[in-house]
N, C-alpha and C. Protein backbone atom coordinates (compact mmCIF):
# COMPACT_ATOMS: atom_id res chain seq x y z
N MET A 1 0.84 -1.18 0.00
CA MET A 1 0.00 0.00 0.00
C MET A 1 0.88 1.24 0.00
N THR A 2 0.50 2.22 -0.74
CA THR A 2 1.29 3.43 -0.77
C THR A 2 1.10 4.20 0.51
N GLY A 3 2.18 4.80 0.97
CA GLY A 3 2.11 5.61 2.17
C GLY A 3 1.94 4.82 3.45
N ALA A 4 2.12 3.52 3.39
CA ALA A 4 1.92 2.69 4.57
C ALA A 4 3.10 2.80 5.52
N VAL A 5 2.83 2.58 6.79
CA VAL A 5 3.87 2.52 7.81
C VAL A 5 3.87 1.13 8.40
N THR A 6 4.87 0.80 9.19
CA THR A 6 4.99 -0.54 9.71
C THR A 6 4.35 -0.67 11.08
N LEU A 7 3.58 -1.71 11.27
CA LEU A 7 2.96 -2.04 12.55
C LEU A 7 3.83 -3.08 13.22
N LEU A 8 4.03 -2.94 14.53
CA LEU A 8 4.88 -3.85 15.27
C LEU A 8 4.06 -4.73 16.19
N ASP A 9 4.54 -5.96 16.42
CA ASP A 9 3.89 -6.83 17.39
C ASP A 9 4.41 -6.51 18.79
N GLY A 10 4.00 -7.25 19.79
CA GLY A 10 4.40 -7.01 21.17
C GLY A 10 5.89 -7.15 21.42
N ARG A 11 6.59 -7.81 20.51
CA ARG A 11 8.04 -7.98 20.65
C ARG A 11 8.81 -6.92 19.88
N GLY A 12 8.09 -6.01 19.23
CA GLY A 12 8.74 -4.96 18.47
C GLY A 12 9.15 -5.36 17.08
N GLU A 13 8.64 -6.48 16.59
CA GLU A 13 8.97 -6.96 15.26
C GLU A 13 7.92 -6.47 14.26
N ALA A 14 8.38 -6.08 13.07
CA ALA A 14 7.47 -5.62 12.03
C ALA A 14 6.62 -6.79 11.54
N VAL A 15 5.31 -6.57 11.50
CA VAL A 15 4.43 -7.67 11.10
C VAL A 15 3.44 -7.30 10.00
N SER A 16 3.15 -6.04 9.80
CA SER A 16 2.15 -5.70 8.81
C SER A 16 2.24 -4.22 8.44
N ASP A 17 1.86 -3.91 7.22
CA ASP A 17 1.73 -2.51 6.82
C ASP A 17 0.31 -2.06 7.11
N ILE A 18 0.17 -0.79 7.44
CA ILE A 18 -1.16 -0.26 7.70
C ILE A 18 -1.49 0.83 6.68
N PRO A 19 -2.76 1.12 6.52
CA PRO A 19 -3.16 2.09 5.50
C PRO A 19 -2.68 3.51 5.81
N GLU A 20 -2.52 4.26 4.73
CA GLU A 20 -2.16 5.66 4.85
C GLU A 20 -3.21 6.39 5.67
N GLY A 21 -2.76 7.33 6.48
CA GLY A 21 -3.68 8.10 7.31
C GLY A 21 -3.73 7.62 8.75
N TRP A 22 -3.26 6.41 9.00
CA TRP A 22 -3.23 5.85 10.34
C TRP A 22 -1.83 6.02 10.92
N SER A 23 -1.75 6.19 12.24
CA SER A 23 -0.47 6.28 12.94
C SER A 23 -0.32 5.08 13.85
N VAL A 24 0.92 4.65 14.03
CA VAL A 24 1.22 3.58 14.97
C VAL A 24 1.58 4.24 16.30
N ILE A 25 0.91 3.82 17.37
CA ILE A 25 1.17 4.40 18.70
C ILE A 25 1.40 3.28 19.70
N GLY A 26 1.86 3.64 20.89
CA GLY A 26 2.02 2.66 21.96
C GLY A 26 3.02 1.58 21.65
N ARG A 27 4.22 1.95 21.28
CA ARG A 27 5.27 0.99 20.94
C ARG A 27 4.87 0.07 19.79
N GLY A 28 4.08 0.61 18.89
CA GLY A 28 3.69 -0.15 17.70
C GLY A 28 2.57 -1.14 17.93
N GLY A 29 1.89 -1.04 19.07
CA GLY A 29 0.84 -2.00 19.37
C GLY A 29 -0.57 -1.53 19.10
N SER A 30 -0.74 -0.31 18.62
CA SER A 30 -2.07 0.23 18.34
C SER A 30 -2.03 1.11 17.11
N LEU A 31 -3.18 1.23 16.47
CA LEU A 31 -3.34 2.11 15.32
C LEU A 31 -4.23 3.27 15.73
N PHE A 32 -3.92 4.46 15.26
CA PHE A 32 -4.70 5.65 15.62
C PHE A 32 -4.98 6.48 14.37
N ARG A 33 -6.19 7.04 14.33
CA ARG A 33 -6.54 7.99 13.29
C ARG A 33 -7.61 8.94 13.79
N ARG A 34 -7.49 10.19 13.40
CA ARG A 34 -8.49 11.21 13.71
C ARG A 34 -9.29 11.48 12.44
N PHE A 35 -10.60 11.40 12.55
CA PHE A 35 -11.50 11.69 11.44
C PHE A 35 -12.20 13.01 11.73
N GLU A 36 -12.16 13.94 10.78
CA GLU A 36 -12.77 15.26 10.94
C GLU A 36 -14.03 15.35 10.07
N PHE A 37 -15.03 16.07 10.58
CA PHE A 37 -16.31 16.18 9.89
C PHE A 37 -16.78 17.63 9.86
N PRO A 38 -17.61 17.99 8.89
CA PRO A 38 -18.05 19.38 8.77
C PRO A 38 -19.08 19.80 9.82
N ASN A 39 -19.79 18.80 10.39
CA ASN A 39 -20.84 19.14 11.36
C ASN A 39 -21.18 17.91 12.21
N TYR A 40 -22.02 18.14 13.21
CA TYR A 40 -22.38 17.06 14.12
C TYR A 40 -23.14 15.94 13.42
N ALA A 41 -23.99 16.28 12.48
CA ALA A 41 -24.77 15.25 11.78
C ALA A 41 -23.85 14.25 11.07
N ALA A 42 -22.80 14.76 10.43
CA ALA A 42 -21.85 13.88 9.74
C ALA A 42 -21.07 13.02 10.75
N THR A 43 -20.70 13.62 11.88
CA THR A 43 -20.01 12.87 12.93
C THR A 43 -20.89 11.75 13.45
N SER A 44 -22.13 12.08 13.73
CA SER A 44 -23.08 11.09 14.26
C SER A 44 -23.32 9.95 13.27
N ALA A 45 -23.44 10.28 11.99
CA ALA A 45 -23.66 9.24 10.98
C ALA A 45 -22.46 8.31 10.91
N PHE A 46 -21.24 8.87 10.98
CA PHE A 46 -20.04 8.04 10.98
C PHE A 46 -20.02 7.12 12.20
N LEU A 47 -20.35 7.66 13.37
CA LEU A 47 -20.37 6.84 14.59
C LEU A 47 -21.41 5.73 14.50
N ASP A 48 -22.55 6.01 13.88
CA ASP A 48 -23.57 4.97 13.68
C ASP A 48 -23.04 3.85 12.79
N ARG A 49 -22.37 4.22 11.70
CA ARG A 49 -21.80 3.21 10.80
C ARG A 49 -20.69 2.42 11.50
N LEU A 50 -19.89 3.11 12.32
CA LEU A 50 -18.83 2.43 13.06
C LEU A 50 -19.43 1.46 14.08
N ALA A 51 -20.52 1.82 14.72
CA ALA A 51 -21.18 0.92 15.67
C ALA A 51 -21.66 -0.35 14.97
N LYS A 52 -22.22 -0.20 13.77
CA LYS A 52 -22.68 -1.37 13.01
C LYS A 52 -21.51 -2.26 12.61
N LEU A 53 -20.41 -1.64 12.17
CA LEU A 53 -19.22 -2.41 11.81
C LEU A 53 -18.69 -3.17 13.02
N SER A 54 -18.66 -2.53 14.16
CA SER A 54 -18.18 -3.20 15.37
C SER A 54 -19.07 -4.37 15.75
N GLU A 55 -20.37 -4.20 15.62
CA GLU A 55 -21.30 -5.30 15.92
C GLU A 55 -21.08 -6.47 14.95
N GLN A 56 -20.83 -6.15 13.69
CA GLN A 56 -20.63 -7.20 12.68
C GLN A 56 -19.32 -7.95 12.89
N THR A 57 -18.28 -7.25 13.31
CA THR A 57 -16.96 -7.86 13.41
C THR A 57 -16.60 -8.32 14.82
N GLY A 58 -17.32 -7.79 15.82
CA GLY A 58 -16.98 -8.10 17.20
C GLY A 58 -15.74 -7.36 17.68
N ARG A 59 -15.35 -6.35 16.95
CA ARG A 59 -14.15 -5.58 17.28
C ARG A 59 -14.59 -4.16 17.67
N TYR A 60 -14.20 -3.73 18.86
CA TYR A 60 -14.64 -2.45 19.39
C TYR A 60 -13.44 -1.56 19.71
N PRO A 61 -13.15 -0.58 18.84
CA PRO A 61 -12.00 0.30 19.07
C PRO A 61 -12.30 1.29 20.18
N ASP A 62 -11.25 1.88 20.74
CA ASP A 62 -11.42 2.99 21.68
C ASP A 62 -11.78 4.23 20.87
N LEU A 63 -12.77 4.98 21.36
CA LEU A 63 -13.23 6.17 20.67
C LEU A 63 -13.17 7.38 21.59
N ASN A 64 -12.85 8.51 21.01
CA ASN A 64 -12.94 9.80 21.67
C ASN A 64 -13.51 10.72 20.61
N PHE A 65 -14.60 11.42 20.93
CA PHE A 65 -15.20 12.24 19.89
C PHE A 65 -15.81 13.52 20.46
N ALA A 66 -15.98 14.46 19.56
CA ALA A 66 -16.66 15.72 19.84
C ALA A 66 -17.59 15.99 18.67
N SER A 67 -18.14 17.15 18.59
CA SER A 67 -19.15 17.42 17.57
C SER A 67 -18.62 17.33 16.14
N ARG A 68 -17.30 17.56 15.94
CA ARG A 68 -16.78 17.56 14.58
C ARG A 68 -15.56 16.68 14.35
N HIS A 69 -15.29 15.76 15.28
CA HIS A 69 -14.19 14.81 15.05
C HIS A 69 -14.41 13.52 15.85
N VAL A 70 -13.74 12.47 15.37
CA VAL A 70 -13.73 11.18 16.06
C VAL A 70 -12.30 10.68 16.03
N ASN A 71 -11.74 10.37 17.21
CA ASN A 71 -10.44 9.73 17.32
C ASN A 71 -10.67 8.24 17.51
N VAL A 72 -10.05 7.42 16.68
CA VAL A 72 -10.21 5.97 16.74
C VAL A 72 -8.86 5.33 17.06
N THR A 73 -8.83 4.49 18.09
CA THR A 73 -7.64 3.72 18.43
C THR A 73 -7.98 2.24 18.36
N ILE A 74 -7.24 1.51 17.54
CA ILE A 74 -7.44 0.07 17.37
C ILE A 74 -6.26 -0.63 18.02
N HIS A 75 -6.53 -1.42 19.05
CA HIS A 75 -5.48 -2.16 19.73
C HIS A 75 -5.33 -3.54 19.11
N LEU A 76 -4.09 -4.03 19.04
CA LEU A 76 -3.87 -5.39 18.58
C LEU A 76 -4.49 -6.35 19.57
N GLU A 77 -5.18 -7.35 19.07
CA GLU A 77 -5.76 -8.39 19.90
C GLU A 77 -4.90 -9.63 19.72
N GLY A 78 -3.86 -9.75 20.54
CA GLY A 78 -2.90 -10.84 20.42
C GLY A 78 -1.59 -10.33 19.87
N GLN A 79 -0.74 -11.27 19.47
CA GLN A 79 0.56 -10.93 18.93
C GLN A 79 0.77 -11.65 17.61
N GLY A 80 1.72 -11.17 16.86
CA GLY A 80 2.11 -11.83 15.62
C GLY A 80 1.43 -11.28 14.39
N ASP A 81 1.72 -11.95 13.28
CA ASP A 81 1.27 -11.51 11.98
C ASP A 81 -0.24 -11.40 11.86
N GLU A 82 -0.96 -12.42 12.33
CA GLU A 82 -2.41 -12.43 12.15
C GLU A 82 -3.09 -11.31 12.95
N ALA A 83 -2.63 -11.05 14.17
CA ALA A 83 -3.21 -9.96 14.98
C ALA A 83 -3.00 -8.61 14.30
N ALA A 84 -1.82 -8.39 13.76
CA ALA A 84 -1.53 -7.13 13.08
C ALA A 84 -2.32 -7.02 11.77
N ALA A 85 -2.42 -8.12 11.04
CA ALA A 85 -3.18 -8.11 9.80
C ALA A 85 -4.65 -7.83 10.07
N GLU A 86 -5.20 -8.40 11.13
CA GLU A 86 -6.60 -8.16 11.49
C GLU A 86 -6.81 -6.70 11.86
N ALA A 87 -5.90 -6.11 12.62
CA ALA A 87 -6.01 -4.69 12.98
C ALA A 87 -5.96 -3.83 11.71
N ALA A 88 -5.09 -4.17 10.78
CA ALA A 88 -4.99 -3.41 9.53
C ALA A 88 -6.26 -3.56 8.69
N ARG A 89 -6.84 -4.75 8.63
CA ARG A 89 -8.09 -4.95 7.89
C ARG A 89 -9.21 -4.13 8.52
N PHE A 90 -9.27 -4.12 9.85
CA PHE A 90 -10.31 -3.34 10.52
C PHE A 90 -10.10 -1.85 10.26
N ALA A 91 -8.84 -1.39 10.26
CA ALA A 91 -8.55 0.02 9.97
C ALA A 91 -9.03 0.39 8.56
N LEU A 92 -8.82 -0.49 7.59
CA LEU A 92 -9.32 -0.25 6.24
C LEU A 92 -10.84 -0.15 6.21
N ALA A 93 -11.50 -1.03 6.96
CA ALA A 93 -12.96 -1.03 7.01
C ALA A 93 -13.48 0.26 7.66
N VAL A 94 -12.81 0.71 8.70
CA VAL A 94 -13.22 1.96 9.36
C VAL A 94 -13.04 3.13 8.40
N ALA A 95 -11.92 3.19 7.71
CA ALA A 95 -11.68 4.28 6.77
C ALA A 95 -12.72 4.27 5.65
N ALA A 96 -13.16 3.09 5.24
CA ALA A 96 -14.17 2.99 4.17
C ALA A 96 -15.51 3.56 4.62
N LEU A 97 -15.73 3.67 5.91
CA LEU A 97 -16.98 4.24 6.42
C LEU A 97 -17.14 5.71 6.06
N LEU A 98 -16.05 6.37 5.72
CA LEU A 98 -16.13 7.78 5.32
C LEU A 98 -17.03 7.96 4.12
N GLU A 99 -17.08 6.97 3.25
CA GLU A 99 -17.93 7.02 2.08
C GLU A 99 -19.26 6.33 2.34
N GLY A 100 -19.50 5.93 3.58
CA GLY A 100 -20.74 5.25 3.90
C GLY A 100 -20.71 3.78 3.60
N GLU A 101 -19.50 3.27 3.25
CA GLU A 101 -19.35 1.84 2.98
C GLU A 101 -19.09 1.11 4.28
N SER A 102 -19.28 -0.19 4.30
CA SER A 102 -19.00 -0.98 5.49
C SER A 102 -18.26 -2.25 5.16
N SER A 103 -17.50 -2.26 4.07
CA SER A 103 -16.78 -3.46 3.69
C SER A 103 -15.50 -3.61 4.45
């Protein structure tokens, strides 16, 4: 993926690339992205889509939000390649919600 950065497992080893726009935080064990919106209605619609995605996947990121932004933190669930790949797939799905998609 273009613009990708490296995600690290609990041992500090590179295990997966993550999508552009996401940051690696917490010694490489979490993904973070801030989503900005023009108004509260758009923020609320994004949060509704994110809630549905979380229900479908069973994955619930940490959220911090205000009327015009949402901060999303995705923690690795486990260690190794598969945990990092799953976090990256979920990050892609969250980013797709900007267009109202849920894939």
